[in-house]
Amino acid sequence: ERDRRLTERIGHERFAVVACPEERGDRWRRSAPLLRSARDWAHYYQPLYARASKLHQRALTRLLRELGASAALDVDALPLSAPAGARLRDTLAQLEDTIPADPLHEEFVARHTPDVLLVTPGLHFGSGQTDFMKAARTQRVPVWMLLFSWDNLSTKGALHAKPDRLFVWNARQVQEATDLHGFPAERVTVVGAPRFDEFFELRSQISRKQFFAPMGLDPTRRTLLYLCSSRFIAAEEDRKSTRLNSSHV
């Protein structure tokens, strides 16, 4: 139903939504996700992440889940020096390079004969989009990657396959691409944040007075609207907000 609505909204003869492989079909089907989860975990042993213990713990938890481990393990129980972490990341990167393109993904790319393969986000904890990128390379199809979110480069693990060109929001993300992922700056293009373009076209549907009335707030006063964060950042944010409001702080 979602695909049908999207197709109708775009309404162009050269636009189509098609089903694609959701996982590999070869002997690397189980090994590739495990390797990438391990690489995501090793990614946070970089000196720049020295104080990002929560991000590192999340990557470790995902790795243990991939292994089917039932017991929890604290990331501090696996201390690695900066040189050791670099050696581990380099080893895992070389192992990724040995994983060939998946025939199932190659067949999919060949069937649609694209001029360019564009992936987004391209980087998100062992993303299966890596296999589409590898398949495109075997057929000499250029691979572009459009960064979806402001924190994809900094909080979503390692970049398992490098695209031919990376499109980012701003200069800060150019720096993150080079510092955190070793991606060549000359292959990065700053394009702004296209996912937010539609917000600039929004217009108010009701008056300010009508908006504030159900909440019993004075529309003539300045008001701060806070929409909360993710559960990963603040799991009990709604309860804390309630306590603050009830105590008039």
Protein backbone atom coordinates (compact mmCIF):
# COMPACT_ATOMS: atom_id res chain seq x y z
CA GLU A 1 0.00 0.00 0.00
CA ARG A 2 2.84 2.39 0.86
CA ASP A 3 4.60 1.62 -2.44
CA ARG A 4 1.39 2.20 -4.39
CA ARG A 5 0.85 5.60 -2.75
CA LEU A 6 4.44 6.60 -3.44
CA THR A 7 4.17 5.60 -7.09
CA GLU A 8 0.96 7.58 -7.49
CA ARG A 9 2.43 10.63 -5.79
CA ILE A 10 5.52 10.70 -8.05
CA GLY A 11 3.35 9.92 -11.07
CA HIS A 12 6.10 9.56 -13.69
CA GLU A 13 6.49 6.82 -16.29
CA ARG A 14 10.20 6.44 -15.46
CA PHE A 15 9.61 5.97 -11.74
CA ALA A 16 8.88 2.54 -10.24
CA VAL A 17 9.07 0.81 -6.88
CA VAL A 18 10.37 -2.76 -7.12
CA ALA A 19 11.20 -5.46 -4.59
CA CYS A 20 14.89 -6.05 -3.98
CA PRO A 21 16.91 -8.73 -2.15
CA GLU A 22 16.76 -8.34 1.62
CA GLU A 23 19.82 -10.49 2.33
CA ARG A 24 22.55 -12.39 0.54
CA GLY A 25 21.82 -15.70 -1.15
CA ASP A 26 25.31 -17.20 -1.10
CA ARG A 27 27.55 -18.88 1.49
CA TRP A 28 28.37 -15.47 3.04
CA ARG A 29 24.74 -15.02 4.04
CA ARG A 30 25.41 -15.57 7.76
CA SER A 31 29.07 -14.57 7.91
CA ALA A 32 28.84 -11.11 6.32
CA PRO A 33 26.40 -9.65 8.91
CA LEU A 34 28.59 -11.00 11.73
CA LEU A 35 31.75 -9.51 10.27
CA ARG A 36 30.07 -6.14 9.80
CA SER A 37 28.69 -6.13 13.34
CA ALA A 38 32.20 -6.82 14.62
CA ARG A 39 33.56 -4.00 12.51
CA ASP A 40 30.91 -1.61 13.84
CA TRP A 41 32.02 -2.48 17.37
CA ALA A 42 35.71 -2.05 16.53
CA HIS A 43 34.93 1.32 14.90
CA TYR A 44 34.49 2.88 18.36
CA TYR A 45 38.04 2.09 19.48
CA GLN A 46 39.20 5.17 17.62
CA PRO A 47 40.69 7.93 19.82
CA LEU A 48 37.97 10.36 18.67
CA TYR A 49 35.42 8.08 20.35
CA ALA A 50 37.30 7.79 23.64
CA ARG A 51 34.37 9.25 25.60
CA ALA A 52 31.56 7.78 23.49
CA SER A 53 31.00 4.79 25.78
CA LYS A 54 27.25 4.67 25.16
CA LEU A 55 27.72 4.44 21.38
CA HIS A 56 30.39 1.77 21.86
CA GLN A 57 28.16 -0.22 24.22
CA ARG A 58 25.31 -0.15 21.71
CA ALA A 59 27.57 -1.55 18.98
CA LEU A 60 28.79 -4.30 21.33
CA THR A 61 25.23 -5.22 22.28
CA ARG A 62 24.35 -5.55 18.60
CA LEU A 63 27.39 -7.76 18.03
CA LEU A 64 26.42 -10.04 20.94
CA ARG A 65 22.87 -10.21 19.58
CA GLU A 66 24.23 -11.24 16.18
CA LEU A 67 26.17 -14.02 17.93
CA GLY A 68 23.07 -15.13 19.80
CA ALA A 69 24.68 -14.44 23.17
CA SER A 70 22.22 -14.19 26.02
CA ALA A 71 24.54 -12.67 28.62
CA ALA A 72 25.34 -8.96 28.66
CA LEU A 73 28.91 -7.71 28.47
CA ASP A 74 30.16 -4.28 29.41
CA VAL A 75 32.38 -2.59 26.84
CA ASP A 76 34.89 -1.70 29.57
CA ALA A 77 35.59 -5.43 29.95
CA LEU A 78 37.26 -5.34 26.51
CA PRO A 79 39.83 -2.54 26.79
CA LEU A 80 41.99 -2.01 23.72
CA SER A 81 44.72 0.55 23.18
CA ALA A 82 44.56 2.89 20.19
CA PRO A 83 47.17 0.85 18.24
CA ALA A 84 45.37 -2.41 19.02
CA GLY A 85 42.05 -0.91 17.95
CA ALA A 86 43.57 0.32 14.69
CA ARG A 87 45.00 -3.14 14.02
CA LEU A 88 41.63 -4.77 14.66
CA ARG A 89 39.81 -2.32 12.37
CA ASP A 90 42.35 -2.84 9.61
CA THR A 91 42.02 -6.63 9.88
CA LEU A 92 38.23 -6.51 9.71
CA ALA A 93 38.36 -4.08 6.76
CA GLN A 94 40.61 -6.49 4.87
CA LEU A 95 38.23 -9.35 5.62
CA GLU A 96 35.36 -7.27 4.20
CA ASP A 97 37.39 -6.76 1.04
CA THR A 98 37.56 -10.55 0.59
CA ILE A 99 33.77 -10.89 0.57
CA PRO A 100 32.73 -11.10 -3.10
CA ALA A 101 29.64 -9.58 -4.62
CA ASP A 102 26.54 -11.69 -4.05
CA PRO A 103 25.14 -13.27 -7.28
CA LEU A 104 21.59 -12.51 -6.15
CA HIS A 105 22.38 -8.79 -5.84
CA GLU A 106 24.37 -8.84 -9.09
CA GLU A 107 21.36 -10.28 -10.91
CA PHE A 108 19.13 -7.56 -9.45
CA VAL A 109 21.44 -4.75 -10.58
CA ALA A 110 21.93 -6.30 -14.02
CA ARG A 111 18.18 -6.67 -14.52
CA HIS A 112 17.55 -2.96 -13.98
CA THR A 113 20.70 -1.69 -15.77
CA PRO A 114 20.99 1.57 -13.80
CA ASP A 115 23.25 4.41 -14.89
CA VAL A 116 23.95 5.09 -11.20
CA LEU A 117 23.22 3.24 -7.98
CA LEU A 118 22.21 5.70 -5.24
CA VAL A 119 22.03 4.35 -1.68
CA THR A 120 20.79 6.05 1.48
CA PRO A 121 21.74 6.04 4.25
CA GLY A 122 24.49 3.61 3.16
CA LEU A 123 25.85 3.59 6.68
CA HIS A 124 23.79 2.08 9.47
CA PHE A 125 25.11 -0.82 11.59
CA GLY A 126 26.05 -3.55 9.14
CA SER A 127 23.83 -2.15 6.41
CA GLY A 128 22.88 -4.67 3.73
CA GLN A 129 23.26 -1.86 1.20
CA THR A 130 26.94 -2.81 1.18
CA ASP A 131 26.00 -5.81 -0.96
CA PHE A 132 24.23 -3.63 -3.53
CA MET A 133 27.32 -1.43 -3.70
CA LYS A 134 29.58 -4.42 -4.29
CA ALA A 135 27.25 -5.79 -6.95
CA ALA A 136 27.20 -2.46 -8.78
CA ARG A 137 30.99 -2.31 -8.79
CA THR A 138 31.32 -5.66 -10.56
CA GLN A 139 29.20 -4.22 -13.37
CA ARG A 140 31.00 -0.87 -13.42
CA VAL A 141 27.93 1.04 -12.28
CA PRO A 142 28.89 4.20 -10.35
CA VAL A 143 27.83 4.16 -6.70
CA TRP A 144 26.63 7.32 -4.96
CA MET A 145 25.67 7.62 -1.31
CA LEU A 146 23.30 10.29 0.03
CA LEU A 147 23.63 10.83 3.77
CA PHE A 148 20.20 10.60 5.35
CA SER A 149 20.65 11.94 8.86
CA TRP A 150 22.82 14.45 10.71
CA ASP A 151 24.42 11.67 12.79
CA ASN A 152 24.85 8.78 10.31
CA LEU A 153 28.59 9.34 9.97
CA SER A 154 29.23 9.71 13.68
CA THR A 155 26.90 7.29 15.49
CA LYS A 156 25.93 4.47 13.10
CA GLY A 157 29.06 2.31 12.94
CA ALA A 158 31.60 1.77 10.18
CA LEU A 159 31.40 2.48 6.46
CA HIS A 160 31.73 -1.06 5.12
CA ALA A 161 32.00 -0.16 1.43
CA LYS A 162 33.06 3.22 0.08
CA PRO A 163 30.91 4.79 -2.65
CA ASP A 164 32.38 6.60 -5.64
CA ARG A 165 30.82 9.83 -4.38
CA LEU A 166 29.39 10.82 -1.03
CA PHE A 167 26.76 13.57 -0.70
CA VAL A 168 26.58 15.23 2.75
CA TRP A 169 24.78 18.10 4.45
CA ASN A 170 27.59 20.45 5.36
CA ALA A 171 31.32 21.04 5.93
CA ARG A 172 31.15 19.36 9.34
CA GLN A 173 30.13 16.10 7.69
CA VAL A 174 32.95 16.38 5.17
CA GLN A 175 35.31 16.44 8.16
CA GLU A 176 33.55 13.46 9.78
CA ALA A 177 33.84 11.46 6.58
CA THR A 178 37.59 11.96 6.47
CA ASP A 179 38.37 11.79 10.21
CA LEU A 180 36.06 8.92 11.20
CA HIS A 181 35.97 6.83 8.02
CA GLY A 182 39.07 7.71 6.05
CA PHE A 183 36.95 8.80 3.09
CA PRO A 184 38.71 11.08 0.57
CA ALA A 185 37.49 14.67 0.92
CA GLU A 186 37.74 15.24 -2.83
CA ARG A 187 34.97 12.67 -3.36
CA VAL A 188 32.53 14.40 -1.00
CA THR A 189 29.93 16.91 -2.23
CA VAL A 190 27.97 19.21 0.10
CA VAL A 191 24.31 19.40 -0.97
CA GLY A 192 22.43 20.54 2.14
CA ALA A 193 19.76 18.45 3.90
CA PRO A 194 17.25 17.32 1.22
CA ARG A 195 15.16 15.31 3.69
CA PHE A 196 14.04 18.61 5.23
CA ASP A 197 13.21 20.40 1.97
CA GLU A 198 9.48 19.69 2.28
CA PHE A 199 9.33 21.41 5.67
CA PHE A 200 10.08 24.77 4.05
CA GLU A 201 6.90 24.43 2.01
CA LEU A 202 4.65 23.86 5.04
CA ARG A 203 2.13 26.54 5.93
CA SER A 204 0.05 26.97 9.10
CA GLN A 205 -3.40 25.41 8.91
CA ILE A 206 -4.81 27.13 12.02
CA SER A 207 -4.15 30.39 13.81
CA ARG A 208 -1.72 30.71 16.72
CA LYS A 209 -4.64 31.32 19.08
CA GLN A 210 -6.41 28.14 17.95
CA PHE A 211 -3.21 26.13 18.37
CA PHE A 212 -2.64 27.20 21.99
CA ALA A 213 -6.27 27.10 23.15
CA PRO A 214 -6.54 23.31 23.90
CA MET A 215 -3.38 23.52 26.03
CA GLY A 216 -4.55 26.50 28.02
CA LEU A 217 -1.48 28.56 27.06
CA ASP A 218 -1.33 32.28 26.41
CA PRO A 219 -0.71 32.80 22.65
CA THR A 220 0.65 36.29 23.29
CA ARG A 221 3.64 34.94 25.23
CA ARG A 222 6.74 33.34 23.79
CA THR A 223 6.61 29.55 24.05
CA LEU A 224 9.27 26.88 23.77
CA LEU A 225 8.12 23.67 22.05
CA TYR A 226 10.38 20.71 22.86
CA LEU A 227 9.63 17.51 20.93
CA CYS A 228 11.86 15.18 22.97
CA SER A 229 14.70 12.97 21.78
CA SER A 230 15.12 9.25 21.04
CA ARG A 231 14.84 6.47 23.62
CA PHE A 232 18.54 5.81 23.17
CA ILE A 233 19.34 9.34 24.34
CA ALA A 234 16.70 9.69 27.05
CA ALA A 235 14.62 6.60 27.76
CA GLU A 236 12.47 8.23 30.47
CA GLU A 237 12.27 11.71 29.00
CA ASP A 238 8.47 11.87 29.03
CA ARG A 239 8.25 11.06 32.75
CA LYS A 240 10.98 13.56 33.60
CA SER A 241 9.17 16.23 31.60
CA THR A 242 5.97 15.48 33.49
CA ARG A 243 7.72 15.88 36.85
CA LEU A 244 9.24 19.18 35.75
CA ASN A 245 5.89 20.53 34.59
CA SER A 246 4.12 19.46 37.79
CA SER A 247 6.74 21.22 39.92
CA HIS A 248 6.57 24.40 37.77
CA VAL A 249 10.34 24.44 37.18
